[in-house]
Amino acid sequence: MGEGKEELVKIIFELDADDWHGYPSETVWAAIVRTEEGQLFELQNSPFYMRGVSYLDLVRASPLPEEPHVLNFTGVFARSGHSTYWLLVPPEKSAEFEERWKMLAVLGCSYESGTIRLQPGVRKLYSVDVPPATDIHSVYRLLQDGEEQSVWLFAEGHCGHQI
């Protein structure tokens, strides 16, 4: 493809503010990639709320006139093969999360985290990246088990694995 990565920009994803998180948009860092097909953007973060995209996906975006380093997401150009899952963990379950996380880390998963205020109170929110070479079925079983044991609630943001 003849790719050359340059500086980082922010890609803004429009969300449904009536969804569980209450946000109208989310921004994710992306590297500008110049290709024979034109300028694309490689996501450098795992999204917390946007469904249908994952870390390292190549996306298309259009500039926002008022903010030159923020672009509006317009579509996915190529998938990276990564998958994204979200975990909501209550504060009293953080020690149990840490123990269970070790099993996911061994499988190659990584995460970004933040906090979110919801109706039942503040929760830790994790955006879990599952690399393409990781056995997605093993990860999913661990995620289900953590939910069944009331350590977290989980949701699928995007499954990029070939199943």
C-alpha atoms as a PDB file:
ATOM      1  CA  MET A   1       0.000   0.000   0.000  1.00  0.00           C
ATOM      2  CA  GLY A   2       2.973   2.336   0.333  1.00  0.00           C
ATOM      3  CA  GLU A   3       1.943   3.735   3.691  1.00  0.00           C
ATOM      4  CA  GLY A   4       3.546   6.599   5.557  1.00  0.00           C
ATOM      5  CA  LYS A   5       2.286   7.571   9.011  1.00  0.00           C
ATOM      6  CA  GLU A   6       2.397  11.150  10.150  1.00  0.00           C
ATOM      7  CA  GLU A   7       1.067  13.219  13.043  1.00  0.00           C
ATOM      8  CA  LEU A   8      -1.911  12.293  15.192  1.00  0.00           C
ATOM      9  CA  VAL A   9      -5.368  13.763  14.813  1.00  0.00           C
ATOM     10  CA  LYS A  10      -8.605  13.235  16.679  1.00  0.00           C
ATOM     11  CA  ILE A  11     -11.466  11.415  14.983  1.00  0.00           C
ATOM     12  CA  ILE A  12     -14.892  12.302  16.351  1.00  0.00           C
ATOM     13  CA  PHE A  13     -17.582   9.632  16.327  1.00  0.00           C
ATOM     14  CA  GLU A  14     -21.211  10.714  16.616  1.00  0.00           C
ATOM     15  CA  LEU A  15     -23.083   8.681  19.255  1.00  0.00           C
ATOM     16  CA  ASP A  16     -26.661   8.370  20.427  1.00  0.00           C
ATOM     17  CA  ALA A  17     -26.854  10.475  23.592  1.00  0.00           C
ATOM     18  CA  ASP A  18     -29.871   8.370  24.633  1.00  0.00           C
ATOM     19  CA  ASP A  19     -27.672   5.260  24.778  1.00  0.00           C
ATOM     20  CA  TRP A  20     -26.479   3.901  28.159  1.00  0.00           C
ATOM     21  CA  HIS A  21     -23.463   6.240  28.401  1.00  0.00           C
ATOM     22  CA  GLY A  22     -25.331   9.490  27.675  1.00  0.00           C
ATOM     23  CA  TYR A  23     -22.632  11.023  25.445  1.00  0.00           C
ATOM     24  CA  PRO A  24     -23.351  12.623  22.050  1.00  0.00           C
ATOM     25  CA  SER A  25     -19.840  11.894  20.713  1.00  0.00           C
ATOM     26  CA  GLU A  26     -16.484  10.256  21.414  1.00  0.00           C
ATOM     27  CA  THR A  27     -13.033  11.151  20.124  1.00  0.00           C
ATOM     28  CA  VAL A  28     -10.253   8.666  19.389  1.00  0.00           C
ATOM     29  CA  TRP A  29      -6.648   9.413  18.411  1.00  0.00           C
ATOM     30  CA  ALA A  30      -5.638   8.377  14.906  1.00  0.00           C
ATOM     31  CA  ALA A  31      -2.445   8.452  12.862  1.00  0.00           C
ATOM     32  CA  ILE A  32      -2.667   9.973   9.408  1.00  0.00           C
ATOM     33  CA  VAL A  33      -1.742   7.372   6.801  1.00  0.00           C
ATOM     34  CA  ARG A  34      -1.105   8.447   3.223  1.00  0.00           C
ATOM     35  CA  THR A  35      -1.805   5.651   0.749  1.00  0.00           C
ATOM     36  CA  GLU A  36      -2.383   5.240  -2.955  1.00  0.00           C
ATOM     37  CA  GLU A  37      -6.105   5.312  -2.073  1.00  0.00           C
ATOM     38  CA  GLY A  38      -5.706   8.709  -0.412  1.00  0.00           C
ATOM     39  CA  GLN A  39      -5.486   9.892   3.168  1.00  0.00           C
ATOM     40  CA  LEU A  40      -6.710   7.408   5.764  1.00  0.00           C
ATOM     41  CA  PHE A  41      -6.595   7.313   9.543  1.00  0.00           C
ATOM     42  CA  GLU A  42      -5.357   4.435  11.722  1.00  0.00           C
ATOM     43  CA  LEU A  43      -7.074   4.360  15.117  1.00  0.00           C
ATOM     44  CA  GLN A  44      -4.563   4.541  17.957  1.00  0.00           C
ATOM     45  CA  ASN A  45      -7.021   3.952  20.810  1.00  0.00           C
ATOM     46  CA  SER A  46      -9.719   1.441  21.602  1.00  0.00           C
ATOM     47  CA  PRO A  47     -13.075   3.224  21.706  1.00  0.00           C
ATOM     48  CA  PHE A  48     -15.137   3.274  24.902  1.00  0.00           C
ATOM     49  CA  TYR A  49     -18.554   3.859  23.329  1.00  0.00           C
ATOM     50  CA  MET A  50     -18.425   3.697  19.522  1.00  0.00           C
ATOM     51  CA  ARG A  51     -19.588   0.349  18.182  1.00  0.00           C
ATOM     52  CA  GLY A  52     -18.186  -1.155  15.012  1.00  0.00           C
ATOM     53  CA  VAL A  53     -14.544  -0.026  15.192  1.00  0.00           C
ATOM     54  CA  SER A  54     -11.424  -1.296  16.934  1.00  0.00           C
ATOM     55  CA  TYR A  55      -7.798  -0.408  17.579  1.00  0.00           C
ATOM     56  CA  LEU A  56      -5.694  -0.063  14.382  1.00  0.00           C
ATOM     57  CA  ASP A  57      -8.706  -0.080  12.026  1.00  0.00           C
ATOM     58  CA  LEU A  58      -8.169   2.211   9.029  1.00  0.00           C
ATOM     59  CA  VAL A  59     -10.991   4.715   8.733  1.00  0.00           C
ATOM     60  CA  ARG A  60     -12.058   7.587   6.538  1.00  0.00           C
ATOM     61  CA  ALA A  61     -12.860  10.975   8.017  1.00  0.00           C
ATOM     62  CA  SER A  62     -13.626  14.489   6.829  1.00  0.00           C
ATOM     63  CA  PRO A  63     -12.261  17.702   8.318  1.00  0.00           C
ATOM     64  CA  LEU A  64     -14.239  19.944  10.600  1.00  0.00           C
ATOM     65  CA  PRO A  65     -13.663  23.524   9.373  1.00  0.00           C
ATOM     66  CA  GLU A  66     -13.580  25.002  12.875  1.00  0.00           C
ATOM     67  CA  GLU A  67     -11.010  22.470  14.219  1.00  0.00           C
ATOM     68  CA  PRO A  68      -8.255  21.388  11.790  1.00  0.00           C
ATOM     69  CA  HIS A  69      -6.956  18.542  13.986  1.00  0.00           C
ATOM     70  CA  VAL A  70     -10.401  17.033  14.611  1.00  0.00           C
ATOM     71  CA  LEU A  71     -12.068  15.023  11.861  1.00  0.00           C
ATOM     72  CA  ASN A  72     -15.550  13.544  11.558  1.00  0.00           C
ATOM     73  CA  PHE A  73     -15.685   9.752  11.084  1.00  0.00           C
ATOM     74  CA  THR A  74     -17.283   8.792   7.770  1.00  0.00           C
ATOM     75  CA  GLY A  75     -16.594   5.055   7.533  1.00  0.00           C
ATOM     76  CA  VAL A  76     -14.253   2.089   7.879  1.00  0.00           C
ATOM     77  CA  PHE A  77     -11.767   1.508   5.064  1.00  0.00           C
ATOM     78  CA  ALA A  78     -10.023  -1.650   6.357  1.00  0.00           C
ATOM     79  CA  ARG A  79     -10.307  -3.791   9.468  1.00  0.00           C
ATOM     80  CA  SER A  80      -7.286  -4.549  11.639  1.00  0.00           C
ATOM     81  CA  GLY A  81      -8.627  -7.860  12.954  1.00  0.00           C
ATOM     82  CA  HIS A  82      -8.732  -6.496  16.521  1.00  0.00           C
ATOM     83  CA  SER A  83     -11.852  -6.808  18.668  1.00  0.00           C
ATOM     84  CA  THR A  84     -13.141  -4.442  21.360  1.00  0.00           C
ATOM     85  CA  TYR A  85     -15.066  -5.348  24.516  1.00  0.00           C
ATOM     86  CA  TRP A  86     -16.200  -3.035  27.289  1.00  0.00           C
ATOM     87  CA  LEU A  87     -16.219  -3.857  30.989  1.00  0.00           C
ATOM     88  CA  LEU A  88     -18.068  -1.925  33.703  1.00  0.00           C
ATOM     89  CA  VAL A  89     -16.614  -2.662  37.127  1.00  0.00           C
ATOM     90  CA  PRO A  90     -18.072  -1.413  40.428  1.00  0.00           C
ATOM     91  CA  PRO A  91     -15.449   0.033  42.830  1.00  0.00           C
ATOM     92  CA  GLU A  92     -15.894  -2.786  45.344  1.00  0.00           C
ATOM     93  CA  LYS A  93     -14.918  -5.352  42.674  1.00  0.00           C
ATOM     94  CA  SER A  94     -11.562  -3.804  41.698  1.00  0.00           C
ATOM     95  CA  ALA A  95      -9.459  -6.478  43.473  1.00  0.00           C
ATOM     96  CA  GLU A  96     -11.457  -9.243  41.785  1.00  0.00           C
ATOM     97  CA  PHE A  97     -11.057  -7.443  38.461  1.00  0.00           C
ATOM     98  CA  GLU A  98      -7.268  -7.367  38.896  1.00  0.00           C
ATOM     99  CA  GLU A  99      -7.151 -11.119  39.583  1.00  0.00           C
ATOM    100  CA  ARG A 100      -9.325 -11.996  36.604  1.00  0.00           C
ATOM    101  CA  TRP A 101      -7.541  -9.534  34.353  1.00  0.00           C
ATOM    102  CA  LYS A 102      -4.328 -11.547  34.685  1.00  0.00           C
ATOM    103  CA  MET A 103      -5.928 -14.366  32.662  1.00  0.00           C
ATOM    104  CA  LEU A 104      -6.949 -11.956  29.894  1.00  0.00           C
ATOM    105  CA  ALA A 105      -3.493 -10.358  29.845  1.00  0.00           C
ATOM    106  CA  VAL A 106      -1.863 -13.773  29.393  1.00  0.00           C
ATOM    107  CA  LEU A 107      -4.015 -14.196  26.273  1.00  0.00           C
ATOM    108  CA  GLY A 108      -2.622 -10.917  24.883  1.00  0.00           C
ATOM    109  CA  CYS A 109      -5.424  -8.515  25.784  1.00  0.00           C
ATOM    110  CA  SER A 110      -4.746  -4.938  26.872  1.00  0.00           C
ATOM    111  CA  TYR A 111      -7.017  -2.143  28.037  1.00  0.00           C
ATOM    112  CA  GLU A 112      -7.569   1.549  28.447  1.00  0.00           C
ATOM    113  CA  SER A 113      -9.625   2.691  31.420  1.00  0.00           C
ATOM    114  CA  GLY A 114     -11.641   5.577  32.723  1.00  0.00           C
ATOM    115  CA  THR A 115     -14.540   6.237  35.050  1.00  0.00           C
ATOM    116  CA  ILE A 116     -18.168   6.902  34.254  1.00  0.00           C
ATOM    117  CA  ARG A 117     -21.039   8.078  36.453  1.00  0.00           C
ATOM    118  CA  LEU A 118     -24.167   6.019  35.900  1.00  0.00           C
ATOM    119  CA  GLN A 119     -27.498   5.664  37.701  1.00  0.00           C
ATOM    120  CA  PRO A 120     -26.134   3.083  40.184  1.00  0.00           C
ATOM    121  CA  GLY A 121     -23.025   5.210  40.835  1.00  0.00           C
ATOM    122  CA  VAL A 122     -19.458   5.612  39.605  1.00  0.00           C
ATOM    123  CA  ARG A 123     -18.041   2.661  37.690  1.00  0.00           C
ATOM    124  CA  LYS A 124     -14.645   1.909  36.231  1.00  0.00           C
ATOM    125  CA  LEU A 125     -14.952   1.495  32.462  1.00  0.00           C
ATOM    126  CA  TYR A 126     -12.442  -0.605  30.548  1.00  0.00           C
ATOM    127  CA  SER A 127     -12.080  -0.744  26.786  1.00  0.00           C
ATOM    128  CA  VAL A 128     -10.433  -4.106  26.153  1.00  0.00           C
ATOM    129  CA  ASP A 129      -8.402  -4.701  23.002  1.00  0.00           C
ATOM    130  CA  VAL A 130      -8.192  -8.292  21.763  1.00  0.00           C
ATOM    131  CA  PRO A 131      -5.403  -8.697  19.153  1.00  0.00           C
ATOM    132  CA  PRO A 132      -6.067 -10.730  15.991  1.00  0.00           C
ATOM    133  CA  ALA A 133      -3.853 -13.661  17.041  1.00  0.00           C
ATOM    134  CA  THR A 134      -5.678 -14.091  20.369  1.00  0.00           C
ATOM    135  CA  ASP A 135      -8.208 -16.914  20.712  1.00  0.00           C
ATOM    136  CA  ILE A 136     -11.428 -14.884  20.805  1.00  0.00           C
ATOM    137  CA  HIS A 137     -13.443 -17.831  22.138  1.00  0.00           C
ATOM    138  CA  SER A 138     -11.194 -18.118  25.219  1.00  0.00           C
ATOM    139  CA  VAL A 139     -11.483 -14.379  25.827  1.00  0.00           C
ATOM    140  CA  TYR A 140     -15.257 -14.462  25.469  1.00  0.00           C
ATOM    141  CA  ARG A 141     -15.534 -17.335  27.969  1.00  0.00           C
ATOM    142  CA  LEU A 142     -13.473 -15.354  30.505  1.00  0.00           C
ATOM    143  CA  LEU A 143     -15.624 -12.265  29.941  1.00  0.00           C
ATOM    144  CA  GLN A 144     -18.821 -14.280  30.417  1.00  0.00           C
ATOM    145  CA  ASP A 145     -17.430 -15.915  33.550  1.00  0.00           C
ATOM    146  CA  GLY A 146     -16.548 -12.513  35.050  1.00  0.00           C
ATOM    147  CA  GLU A 147     -20.087 -11.326  34.374  1.00  0.00           C
ATOM    148  CA  GLU A 148     -21.639 -14.496  35.826  1.00  0.00           C
ATOM    149  CA  GLN A 149     -19.542 -13.971  38.972  1.00  0.00           C
ATOM    150  CA  SER A 150     -20.743 -10.318  39.169  1.00  0.00           C
ATOM    151  CA  VAL A 151     -17.228  -8.904  38.786  1.00  0.00           C
ATOM    152  CA  TRP A 152     -18.233  -6.840  35.756  1.00  0.00           C
ATOM    153  CA  LEU A 153     -20.839  -6.239  33.107  1.00  0.00           C
ATOM    154  CA  PHE A 154     -19.504  -6.590  29.605  1.00  0.00           C
ATOM    155  CA  ALA A 155     -20.552  -5.637  26.103  1.00  0.00           C
ATOM    156  CA  GLU A 156     -19.115  -6.141  22.661  1.00  0.00           C
ATOM    157  CA  GLY A 157     -18.053  -2.996  20.883  1.00  0.00           C
ATOM    158  CA  HIS A 158     -16.799  -4.788  17.784  1.00  0.00           C
ATOM    159  CA  CYS A 159     -15.697  -8.326  16.949  1.00  0.00           C
ATOM    160  CA  GLY A 160     -13.014  -8.124  14.280  1.00  0.00           C
ATOM    161  CA  HIS A 161     -11.946 -11.756  14.616  1.00  0.00           C
ATOM    162  CA  GLN A 162     -12.741 -14.296  11.939  1.00  0.00           C
ATOM    163  CA  ILE A 163     -15.101 -16.708  13.661  1.00  0.00           C
END
